[in-house]
């Protein structure tokens, strides 16, 4: 695509692209956006190395491409503008999560990275929000790197899960890079290494006396809890249940611990958990303080992909925008640079979103009192990030800024969940949020449809 644009003299044509999700997955009534930080880092540093250019030059598909194109790649960088919903924002189908305005060759080259990054992290953050909502105020820890689709997916999945509301992760690299709280427990293999289970417990507690979570289900769960309560006094920070009837086992374990005066010892549960199983445990009165969720969260097991797409919405020439649409069956788009407006009631609940052209104001009125606000914010201008982090002069400042951005994203997501209509939080996901298109945007699309007929 880039070579075709360049050799046809089109590479400086300025284009507008929207990134949006066509439809929500089954059992989903909302999304929580994530991945923008990595997108901006990528756009800020995007370059072609000599070895990469040489590879393209020698590729059989490029044998008719001009030498000038490969010289152009040597100085390639992203010089466009980006508007986006901040990470942690609640979003819905057909709403632009991100808008790019740039020379078309630049806007096209970045498509795959933007889609893979926003798709993946938004998918995991949305799943995490559902899991956390199901826990009824109990903590949820992301435990899924070993089941993620690669270590990088595990790393950035941990980041997205934290935005979605998880308290922390078992991925220590995510803790190192992103400042996410990390948690770990005693493993079955450690217990099995010792001839006696109690010797394993003592050895682990000797190293981690204040933070140990002791895994008690290697052999006999209740027998192990009884021995801990009898022989280890009150020195156990937490125990972990990983199999069996977690509800019944948690009640039995809690009674044993409390009777021994170990009321401070927490009960942590894991074992193929998801939002439905957690909701059921909470409803049945399980005495579980926190949950570890792995496979179901790291892969968004029930809905492992989003239908996010990146589509041309307009071409700009001397300040004049020629709008573009796609009319394919079930894949039609809306034209032009767009903005998403959200109406919040006086009670602080979200009521409706309107997708409009970017130069439209918010003149709409709804019954009752409340206010409209735009969701897409300018985050990059002429290839430079607009936030304070872009001006960091040291690695320490950059890290501190990155951690602050992540903390804000998580806080934003938690606030968004409180503002969503209650019926959207149901696990079955049959409710739908009210989304409309502005009259002007509809008219522009209809005019284009007539001109293309």
Protein backbone atom coordinates (compact mmCIF):
# COMPACT_ATOMS: atom_id res chain seq x y z
CA UNK A 1 0.00 0.00 0.00
CA UNK A 2 2.74 2.45 0.93
CA UNK A 3 4.69 1.78 -2.25
CA UNK A 4 1.55 2.11 -4.38
CA UNK A 5 0.70 5.46 -2.79
CA UNK A 6 4.25 6.72 -3.26
CA UNK A 7 4.79 5.65 -6.85
CA UNK A 8 1.43 7.12 -7.86
CA UNK A 9 2.28 10.46 -6.28
CA UNK A 10 -0.41 10.12 -3.61
CA UNK A 11 1.72 9.82 -0.50
CA UNK A 12 1.24 13.44 0.64
CA UNK A 13 -2.55 13.28 0.31
CA UNK A 14 -3.89 13.92 3.80
CA UNK A 15 -6.40 11.36 4.98
CA UNK A 16 -8.73 10.84 7.94
CA UNK A 17 -9.13 7.35 9.41
CA UNK A 18 -11.43 6.14 12.19
CA UNK A 19 -10.71 3.17 14.45
CA UNK A 20 -13.92 1.72 15.85
CA UNK A 21 -15.58 -1.56 16.87
CA UNK A 22 -18.32 -2.58 14.46
CA UNK A 23 -20.35 -4.57 16.99
CA UNK A 24 -19.95 -5.67 20.57
CA UNK A 25 -19.16 -9.34 21.22
CA UNK A 26 -21.88 -11.59 22.64
CA UNK A 27 -22.60 -10.95 26.33
CA UNK A 28 -20.99 -7.52 26.16
CA UNK A 29 -22.88 -4.26 26.69
CA UNK A 30 -19.88 -1.92 26.91
CA UNK A 31 -16.13 -1.70 26.35
CA UNK A 32 -13.36 -0.16 28.45
CA UNK A 33 -10.72 1.36 26.17
CA UNK A 34 -7.02 0.57 26.63
CA UNK A 35 -3.79 0.53 24.64
CA UNK A 36 -3.50 4.21 23.75
CA UNK A 37 -0.21 4.66 25.62
CA UNK A 38 1.50 1.98 23.52
CA UNK A 39 0.02 3.45 20.32
CA UNK A 40 1.46 6.88 21.08
CA UNK A 41 4.86 5.43 21.96
CA UNK A 42 4.88 3.52 18.68
CA UNK A 43 3.90 6.54 16.60
CA UNK A 44 6.54 8.69 18.31
CA UNK A 45 9.37 6.27 17.53
CA UNK A 46 8.30 4.66 14.24
CA UNK A 47 11.27 4.36 11.85
CA UNK A 48 12.55 1.95 9.18
CA UNK A 49 15.99 0.44 9.76
CA UNK A 50 18.39 -0.18 6.88
CA UNK A 51 18.04 -3.95 7.18
CA UNK A 52 14.28 -3.68 6.97
CA UNK A 53 14.49 -1.47 3.90
CA UNK A 54 16.94 -3.88 2.26
CA UNK A 55 14.54 -6.75 2.91
CA UNK A 56 11.70 -4.89 1.22
CA UNK A 57 13.92 -3.88 -1.71
CA UNK A 58 14.82 -7.52 -2.34
CA UNK A 59 11.27 -8.86 -1.92
CA UNK A 60 9.87 -10.22 -5.19
CA UNK A 61 6.66 -8.19 -4.82
CA UNK A 62 8.66 -4.95 -4.83
CA UNK A 63 10.66 -5.53 -7.99
CA UNK A 64 8.80 -2.79 -9.89
CA UNK A 65 8.85 -0.26 -7.04
CA UNK A 66 10.90 2.87 -7.66
CA UNK A 67 14.28 3.39 -5.92
CA UNK A 68 12.90 6.68 -4.61
CA UNK A 69 10.39 4.84 -2.44
CA UNK A 70 13.13 3.04 -0.53
CA UNK A 71 14.98 6.33 -0.05
CA UNK A 72 11.75 7.82 1.28
CA UNK A 73 11.55 5.07 3.88
CA UNK A 74 14.95 6.10 5.29
CA UNK A 75 13.46 9.34 6.61
CA UNK A 76 9.96 8.01 7.32
CA UNK A 77 8.27 9.11 10.52
CA UNK A 78 4.73 9.77 11.65
CA UNK A 79 3.82 13.45 11.30
CA UNK A 80 0.08 13.35 11.77
CA UNK A 81 -2.54 14.22 14.37
CA UNK A 82 -4.36 11.78 16.65
CA UNK A 83 -7.54 12.26 18.65
CA UNK A 84 -8.66 9.47 20.96
CA UNK A 85 -10.81 8.48 23.89
CA UNK A 86 -8.58 8.45 27.00
CA UNK A 87 -7.74 5.00 28.30
CA UNK A 88 -10.34 3.70 30.72
CA UNK A 89 -13.28 5.32 28.90
CA UNK A 90 -16.49 3.33 28.49
CA UNK A 91 -17.22 2.96 24.78
CA UNK A 92 -19.74 1.31 22.48
CA UNK A 93 -20.11 -0.07 18.96
CA UNK A 94 -19.55 2.27 15.97
CA UNK A 95 -17.98 4.97 18.13
CA UNK A 96 -14.52 6.11 16.95
CA UNK A 97 -12.09 5.15 19.71
CA UNK A 98 -9.31 6.89 17.83
CA UNK A 99 -9.07 9.22 14.83
CA UNK A 100 -5.96 9.72 12.70
CA UNK A 101 -5.34 12.66 10.36
CA UNK A 102 -2.08 12.29 8.45
CA UNK A 103 -0.53 11.85 5.00
CA UNK A 104 -2.24 8.72 3.73
CA UNK A 105 0.97 6.73 3.43
CA UNK A 106 1.67 7.30 7.14
CA UNK A 107 -1.91 6.64 8.18
CA UNK A 108 -1.90 3.35 6.24
CA UNK A 109 1.43 2.00 7.49
CA UNK A 110 0.32 2.23 11.13
CA UNK A 111 -3.00 0.40 10.66
CA UNK A 112 -2.00 -3.06 11.84
CA UNK A 113 -0.19 -1.88 14.96
CA UNK A 114 -3.09 0.34 15.99
CA UNK A 115 -5.66 -2.39 15.48
CA UNK A 116 -3.73 -5.15 17.23
CA UNK A 117 -2.87 -2.93 20.20
CA UNK A 118 -6.27 -1.32 20.74
CA UNK A 119 -8.11 -4.56 19.96
CA UNK A 120 -6.14 -6.63 22.45
CA UNK A 121 -5.94 -4.27 25.39
CA UNK A 122 -9.52 -3.04 25.07
CA UNK A 123 -10.70 -6.65 24.92
CA UNK A 124 -8.84 -7.55 28.12
CA UNK A 125 -9.75 -4.34 29.98
CA UNK A 126 -13.43 -4.93 29.13
CA UNK A 127 -13.26 -8.52 30.34
CA UNK A 128 -11.52 -7.42 33.54
CA UNK A 129 -14.23 -4.85 34.22
CA UNK A 130 -16.87 -7.59 33.99
CA UNK A 131 -14.93 -9.90 36.27
CA UNK A 132 -14.31 -7.17 38.86
CA UNK A 133 -17.96 -6.10 38.78
CA UNK A 134 -18.99 -9.71 39.47
CA UNK A 135 -16.77 -9.93 42.57
CA UNK A 136 -19.03 -7.70 44.67
CA UNK A 137 -16.23 -5.53 46.06
CA UNK A 138 -13.75 -8.35 46.59
CA UNK A 139 -10.31 -7.99 45.02
CA UNK A 140 -9.40 -9.63 41.71
CA UNK A 141 -5.81 -10.46 40.72
CA UNK A 142 -4.82 -11.08 37.09
CA UNK A 143 -3.13 -14.50 36.95
CA UNK A 144 -3.09 -15.27 33.24
CA UNK A 145 0.34 -14.78 31.63
CA UNK A 146 1.05 -18.51 31.34
CA UNK A 147 -2.15 -18.94 29.33
CA UNK A 148 -1.89 -15.74 27.29
CA UNK A 149 -1.09 -15.85 23.57
CA UNK A 150 2.59 -15.15 24.13
CA UNK A 151 4.58 -13.29 26.74
CA UNK A 152 3.97 -9.87 25.21
CA UNK A 153 0.22 -10.52 25.26
CA UNK A 154 0.58 -11.53 28.90
CA UNK A 155 2.50 -8.36 29.72
CA UNK A 156 0.13 -5.91 28.08
CA UNK A 157 -2.87 -8.01 29.11
CA UNK A 158 -1.81 -7.47 32.72
CA UNK A 159 -1.67 -3.73 32.05
CA UNK A 160 -5.15 -3.75 30.48
CA UNK A 161 -6.58 -5.87 33.30
CA UNK A 162 -5.28 -3.32 35.80
CA UNK A 163 -7.03 -0.53 33.89
CA UNK A 164 -10.19 -2.65 33.94
CA UNK A 165 -10.14 -2.76 37.74
CA UNK A 166 -7.94 -5.68 38.82
CA UNK A 167 -5.99 -4.96 41.99
CA UNK A 168 -2.77 -6.35 40.55
CA UNK A 169 -1.07 -9.12 38.60
CA UNK A 170 1.21 -12.12 38.97
CA UNK A 171 3.35 -10.78 36.09
CA UNK A 172 6.42 -9.27 37.78
CA UNK A 173 7.61 -7.60 34.57
CA UNK A 174 4.31 -5.72 34.44
CA UNK A 175 5.02 -4.57 37.96
CA UNK A 176 8.49 -3.44 36.96
CA UNK A 177 7.47 -1.61 33.78
CA UNK A 178 4.07 -0.25 34.76
CA UNK A 179 4.13 -0.06 38.55
CA UNK A 180 1.23 -2.52 38.88
CA UNK A 181 1.03 -4.23 42.30
CA UNK A 182 2.25 -7.82 42.04
CA UNK A 183 1.07 -10.90 43.91
CA UNK A 184 2.24 -14.50 44.05
CA UNK A 185 1.48 -17.66 45.95
CA UNK A 186 3.06 -20.94 46.98
CA UNK A 187 2.97 -23.45 44.10
CA UNK A 188 2.01 -27.13 44.11
CA UNK A 189 5.50 -28.10 42.93
CA UNK A 190 7.05 -26.52 46.04
CA UNK A 191 4.76 -28.53 48.30
CA UNK A 192 5.44 -31.74 46.38
CA UNK A 193 9.19 -31.25 46.67
CA UNK A 194 9.01 -31.94 50.41
CA UNK A 195 8.22 -35.28 52.04
CA UNK A 196 5.79 -33.56 54.41
CA UNK A 197 3.37 -30.79 53.44
CA UNK A 198 3.98 -28.93 56.71
CA UNK A 199 7.71 -28.76 56.00
CA UNK A 200 6.91 -27.01 52.71
CA UNK A 201 4.68 -24.54 54.53
CA UNK A 202 7.39 -23.77 57.10
CA UNK A 203 10.06 -23.34 54.44
CA UNK A 204 7.94 -20.92 52.45
CA UNK A 205 6.81 -18.93 55.48
CA UNK A 206 10.43 -18.63 56.60
CA UNK A 207 11.20 -16.68 53.41
CA UNK A 208 7.90 -14.78 53.14
CA UNK A 209 6.59 -14.41 56.71
CA UNK A 210 4.55 -11.26 56.01
CA UNK A 211 3.28 -11.87 52.48
CA UNK A 212 2.96 -15.64 51.99
CA UNK A 213 -0.18 -17.11 50.51
CA UNK A 214 -0.08 -20.80 51.39
CA UNK A 215 -1.56 -23.22 48.86
CA UNK A 216 -3.53 -25.79 50.83
CA UNK A 217 -5.14 -28.08 48.23
CA UNK A 218 -2.21 -30.26 47.10
CA UNK A 219 -3.44 -33.26 49.08
CA UNK A 220 -6.34 -32.64 51.47
CA UNK A 221 -7.54 -29.04 51.73
CA UNK A 222 -9.36 -29.10 55.05
CA UNK A 223 -6.75 -31.27 56.76
CA UNK A 224 -4.06 -28.81 55.67
CA UNK A 225 -6.04 -25.85 57.03
CA UNK A 226 -6.56 -27.65 60.36
CA UNK A 227 -2.82 -28.28 60.71
CA UNK A 228 -2.01 -24.68 59.84
CA UNK A 229 -4.45 -23.48 62.50
CA UNK A 230 -3.10 -25.93 65.08
CA UNK A 231 0.65 -25.79 64.46
CA UNK A 232 1.35 -22.38 62.93
CA UNK A 233 -0.50 -20.19 65.43
CA UNK A 234 -1.55 -16.87 63.87
CA UNK A 235 1.35 -16.41 61.48
CA UNK A 236 -0.37 -17.19 58.17
CA UNK A 237 -1.06 -14.09 56.01
CA UNK A 238 -3.31 -15.96 53.56
CA UNK A 239 -4.28 -19.37 52.23
CA UNK A 240 -5.15 -20.30 48.66
CA UNK A 241 -7.93 -22.61 47.51
CA UNK A 242 -7.41 -23.85 43.95
CA UNK A 243 -9.77 -26.80 43.45
CA UNK A 244 -12.91 -28.48 44.67
CA UNK A 245 -16.11 -26.80 45.86
CA UNK A 246 -14.62 -23.39 46.54
CA UNK A 247 -17.74 -22.11 48.26
CA UNK A 248 -18.02 -24.95 50.76
CA UNK A 249 -14.26 -25.18 51.29
CA UNK A 250 -14.02 -21.44 51.95
CA UNK A 251 -16.76 -21.64 54.60
CA UNK A 252 -15.10 -24.57 56.31
CA UNK A 253 -11.66 -22.97 56.15
CA UNK A 254 -12.98 -19.67 57.51
CA UNK A 255 -14.60 -21.41 60.46
CA UNK A 256 -11.39 -23.31 61.28
CA UNK A 257 -9.23 -20.20 61.03
CA UNK A 258 -11.59 -18.03 63.06
CA UNK A 259 -11.88 -20.65 65.80
CA UNK A 260 -8.07 -20.62 66.05
CA UNK A 261 -8.03 -16.83 66.38
CA UNK A 262 -6.66 -16.39 62.83
CA UNK A 263 -9.30 -13.89 61.78
CA UNK A 264 -6.68 -11.85 59.92
CA UNK A 265 -5.74 -14.75 57.61
CA UNK A 266 -7.27 -14.09 54.19
CA UNK A 267 -8.72 -16.67 51.83
CA UNK A 268 -7.66 -16.41 48.21
CA UNK A 269 -9.35 -18.55 45.54
CA UNK A 270 -8.34 -19.55 42.02
CA UNK A 271 -9.05 -22.36 39.57
CA UNK A 272 -10.63 -21.66 36.15
CA UNK A 273 -12.62 -18.72 37.48
CA UNK A 274 -14.57 -16.25 35.39
CA UNK A 275 -17.23 -13.62 36.05
CA UNK A 276 -20.11 -16.11 36.13
CA UNK A 277 -18.40 -18.50 38.53
CA UNK A 278 -17.33 -15.64 40.76
CA UNK A 279 -20.84 -14.17 40.76
CA UNK A 280 -22.19 -17.56 41.76
CA UNK A 281 -19.66 -17.90 44.60
CA UNK A 282 -20.54 -14.45 45.90
CA UNK A 283 -24.27 -15.17 45.70
CA UNK A 284 -23.81 -18.43 47.63
CA UNK A 285 -22.01 -16.62 50.44
CA UNK A 286 -18.49 -17.91 49.82
CA UNK A 287 -16.02 -16.70 52.45
CA UNK A 288 -13.45 -15.66 49.87
CA UNK A 289 -11.55 -12.39 50.21
CA UNK A 290 -10.00 -12.23 46.75
CA UNK A 291 -9.92 -14.09 43.45
CA UNK A 292 -7.12 -15.00 41.06
CA UNK A 293 -8.33 -15.14 37.45
CA UNK A 294 -6.05 -16.53 34.76
CA UNK A 295 -7.05 -18.16 31.47
CA UNK A 296 -10.51 -16.65 31.24
CA UNK A 297 -9.14 -13.15 31.74
CA UNK A 298 -5.85 -13.25 29.82
CA UNK A 299 -7.57 -14.64 26.73
CA UNK A 300 -11.04 -13.12 27.23
CA UNK A 301 -12.05 -16.73 26.78
CA UNK A 302 -15.73 -16.25 25.96
CA UNK A 303 -15.12 -13.36 23.54
CA UNK A 304 -11.47 -13.59 22.43
CA UNK A 305 -11.55 -10.91 19.73
CA UNK A 306 -13.07 -7.53 18.97
CA UNK A 307 -14.33 -6.50 15.55
CA UNK A 308 -12.29 -3.29 15.58
CA UNK A 309 -11.62 -1.82 12.15
CA UNK A 310 -9.67 1.14 10.76
CA UNK A 311 -11.46 2.86 7.91
CA UNK A 312 -10.90 5.83 5.63
CA UNK A 313 -13.43 8.56 6.43
CA UNK A 314 -12.19 11.48 4.36
CA UNK A 315 -9.52 13.08 2.18
CA UNK A 316 -8.30 16.61 2.88
CA UNK A 317 -7.08 19.01 0.18
CA UNK A 318 -6.25 22.65 0.95
CA UNK A 319 -8.45 22.58 4.02
CA UNK A 320 -11.41 21.07 2.18
CA UNK A 321 -12.52 17.59 3.23
CA UNK A 322 -13.94 15.15 0.70
CA UNK A 323 -15.89 12.63 2.72
CA UNK A 324 -15.57 8.89 2.07
CA UNK A 325 -17.76 5.93 3.01
CA UNK A 326 -17.82 2.19 2.55
CA UNK A 327 -21.12 0.64 1.47
CA UNK A 328 -20.37 -3.09 1.74
CA UNK A 329 -23.21 -5.17 3.17
CA UNK A 330 -23.03 -5.19 6.99
CA UNK A 331 -19.79 -3.19 6.82
CA UNK A 332 -20.97 0.28 5.83
CA UNK A 333 -19.29 3.27 7.49
CA UNK A 334 -20.08 6.90 8.22
CA UNK A 335 -18.08 9.71 6.55
CA UNK A 336 -15.89 12.53 7.78
CA UNK A 337 -13.92 13.39 10.91
CA UNK A 338 -16.17 12.60 13.85
CA UNK A 339 -16.63 13.36 17.51
CA UNK A 340 -18.52 11.35 20.14
CA UNK A 341 -20.65 13.29 22.59
CA UNK A 342 -21.93 11.78 25.85
CA UNK A 343 -24.91 12.97 27.85
CA UNK A 344 -24.69 12.59 31.63
CA UNK A 345 -27.77 13.03 33.79
CA UNK A 346 -27.85 15.29 36.81
CA UNK A 347 -27.57 12.11 38.91
CA UNK A 348 -24.24 11.34 37.23
CA UNK A 349 -25.44 8.43 35.09
CA UNK A 350 -24.72 8.09 31.38
CA UNK A 351 -27.87 8.35 29.26
CA UNK A 352 -26.95 8.56 25.58
CA UNK A 353 -24.07 9.02 23.14
CA UNK A 354 -24.24 10.92 19.85
CA UNK A 355 -21.78 10.42 17.02
CA UNK A 356 -21.42 13.67 15.09
CA UNK A 357 -19.07 15.43 12.72
CA UNK A 358 -16.04 16.85 14.49
CA UNK A 359 -16.95 20.48 13.80
CA UNK A 360 -20.46 20.16 15.27
CA UNK A 361 -21.35 21.60 18.64
CA UNK A 362 -23.61 19.89 21.16
CA UNK A 363 -26.97 21.66 20.74
CA UNK A 364 -29.12 18.62 21.50
CA UNK A 365 -31.55 18.54 24.36
CA UNK A 366 -32.93 15.59 26.27
CA UNK A 367 -35.67 15.36 28.82
CA UNK A 368 -34.38 16.14 32.28
CA UNK A 369 -31.25 18.00 33.24
CA UNK A 370 -27.68 17.05 32.54
CA UNK A 371 -24.79 17.89 30.24
CA UNK A 372 -22.97 16.82 27.07
CA UNK A 373 -19.22 16.38 26.80
CA UNK A 374 -16.95 15.30 23.92
CA UNK A 375 -15.02 12.05 24.36
CA UNK A 376 -12.28 12.30 21.73
CA UNK A 377 -9.30 14.39 22.87
CA UNK A 378 -6.26 15.58 20.94
CA UNK A 379 -3.33 13.40 22.03
CA UNK A 380 -0.84 13.98 19.20
CA UNK A 381 -0.16 16.98 16.95
CA UNK A 382 2.24 16.85 13.99
CA UNK A 383 3.66 13.59 15.28
CA UNK A 384 4.33 14.89 18.80
CA UNK A 385 2.44 13.80 21.89
CA UNK A 386 0.46 16.62 23.45
CA UNK A 387 0.55 15.32 27.02
CA UNK A 388 3.18 16.31 29.58
CA UNK A 389 4.93 12.94 29.30
CA UNK A 390 6.23 13.90 25.85
CA UNK A 391 8.35 16.61 27.48
CA UNK A 392 10.02 14.37 30.05
CA UNK A 393 13.78 14.97 29.97
CA UNK A 394 14.90 11.88 31.87
CA UNK A 395 13.99 8.21 32.00
CA UNK A 396 12.87 8.68 35.60
CA UNK A 397 10.49 11.47 34.64
CA UNK A 398 9.19 9.41 31.73
CA UNK A 399 8.53 6.45 34.03
CA UNK A 400 6.78 8.59 36.63
CA UNK A 401 4.61 10.13 33.93
CA UNK A 402 3.78 6.69 32.54
CA UNK A 403 2.77 5.38 35.96
CA UNK A 404 0.62 8.45 36.56
CA UNK A 405 -1.13 7.98 33.21
CA UNK A 406 -1.90 4.36 34.03
CA UNK A 407 -3.23 5.27 37.47
CA UNK A 408 -5.52 7.88 35.91
CA UNK A 409 -6.75 5.35 33.34
CA UNK A 410 -7.65 2.88 36.08
CA UNK A 411 -9.40 5.54 38.14
CA UNK A 412 -11.29 6.67 35.05
CA UNK A 413 -12.46 3.12 34.31
CA UNK A 414 -13.67 2.61 37.86
CA UNK A 415 -15.61 5.89 37.69
CA UNK A 416 -17.07 4.95 34.31
CA UNK A 417 -18.39 1.68 35.71
CA UNK A 418 -20.28 3.62 38.39
CA UNK A 419 -21.85 5.88 35.76
CA UNK A 420 -23.02 3.19 33.36
CA UNK A 421 -26.74 2.33 33.54
CA UNK A 422 -27.21 -0.58 35.92
CA UNK A 423 -28.73 -2.88 33.29
CA UNK A 424 -25.52 -2.72 31.24
CA UNK A 425 -23.63 -4.43 34.07
CA UNK A 426 -25.68 -7.62 33.86
CA UNK A 427 -23.49 -10.58 32.92
CA UNK A 428 -25.81 -11.75 30.16
CA UNK A 429 -25.25 -8.51 28.29
CA UNK A 430 -28.66 -8.22 26.62
CA UNK A 431 -29.16 -4.52 27.42
CA UNK A 432 -28.03 -1.93 24.88
CA UNK A 433 -26.91 1.64 25.52
CA UNK A 434 -28.56 4.42 23.54
CA UNK A 435 -26.38 5.58 20.62
CA UNK A 436 -27.51 7.96 17.88
CA UNK A 437 -25.99 9.77 14.91
CA UNK A 438 -26.39 13.50 14.40
CA UNK A 439 -28.79 14.69 11.72
CA UNK A 440 -25.97 16.32 9.78
CA UNK A 441 -23.86 13.15 9.80
CA UNK A 442 -26.83 11.12 8.57
CA UNK A 443 -27.49 13.67 5.82
CA UNK A 444 -23.84 13.57 4.68
CA UNK A 445 -23.94 9.79 4.46
CA UNK A 446 -27.22 9.77 2.54
CA UNK A 447 -25.85 12.34 0.08
CA UNK A 448 -22.78 10.19 -0.52
CA UNK A 449 -24.92 7.10 -0.99
CA UNK A 450 -26.95 8.91 -3.67
CA UNK A 451 -23.81 10.11 -5.45
CA UNK A 452 -22.39 6.60 -5.54
CA UNK A 453 -25.60 4.91 -6.66
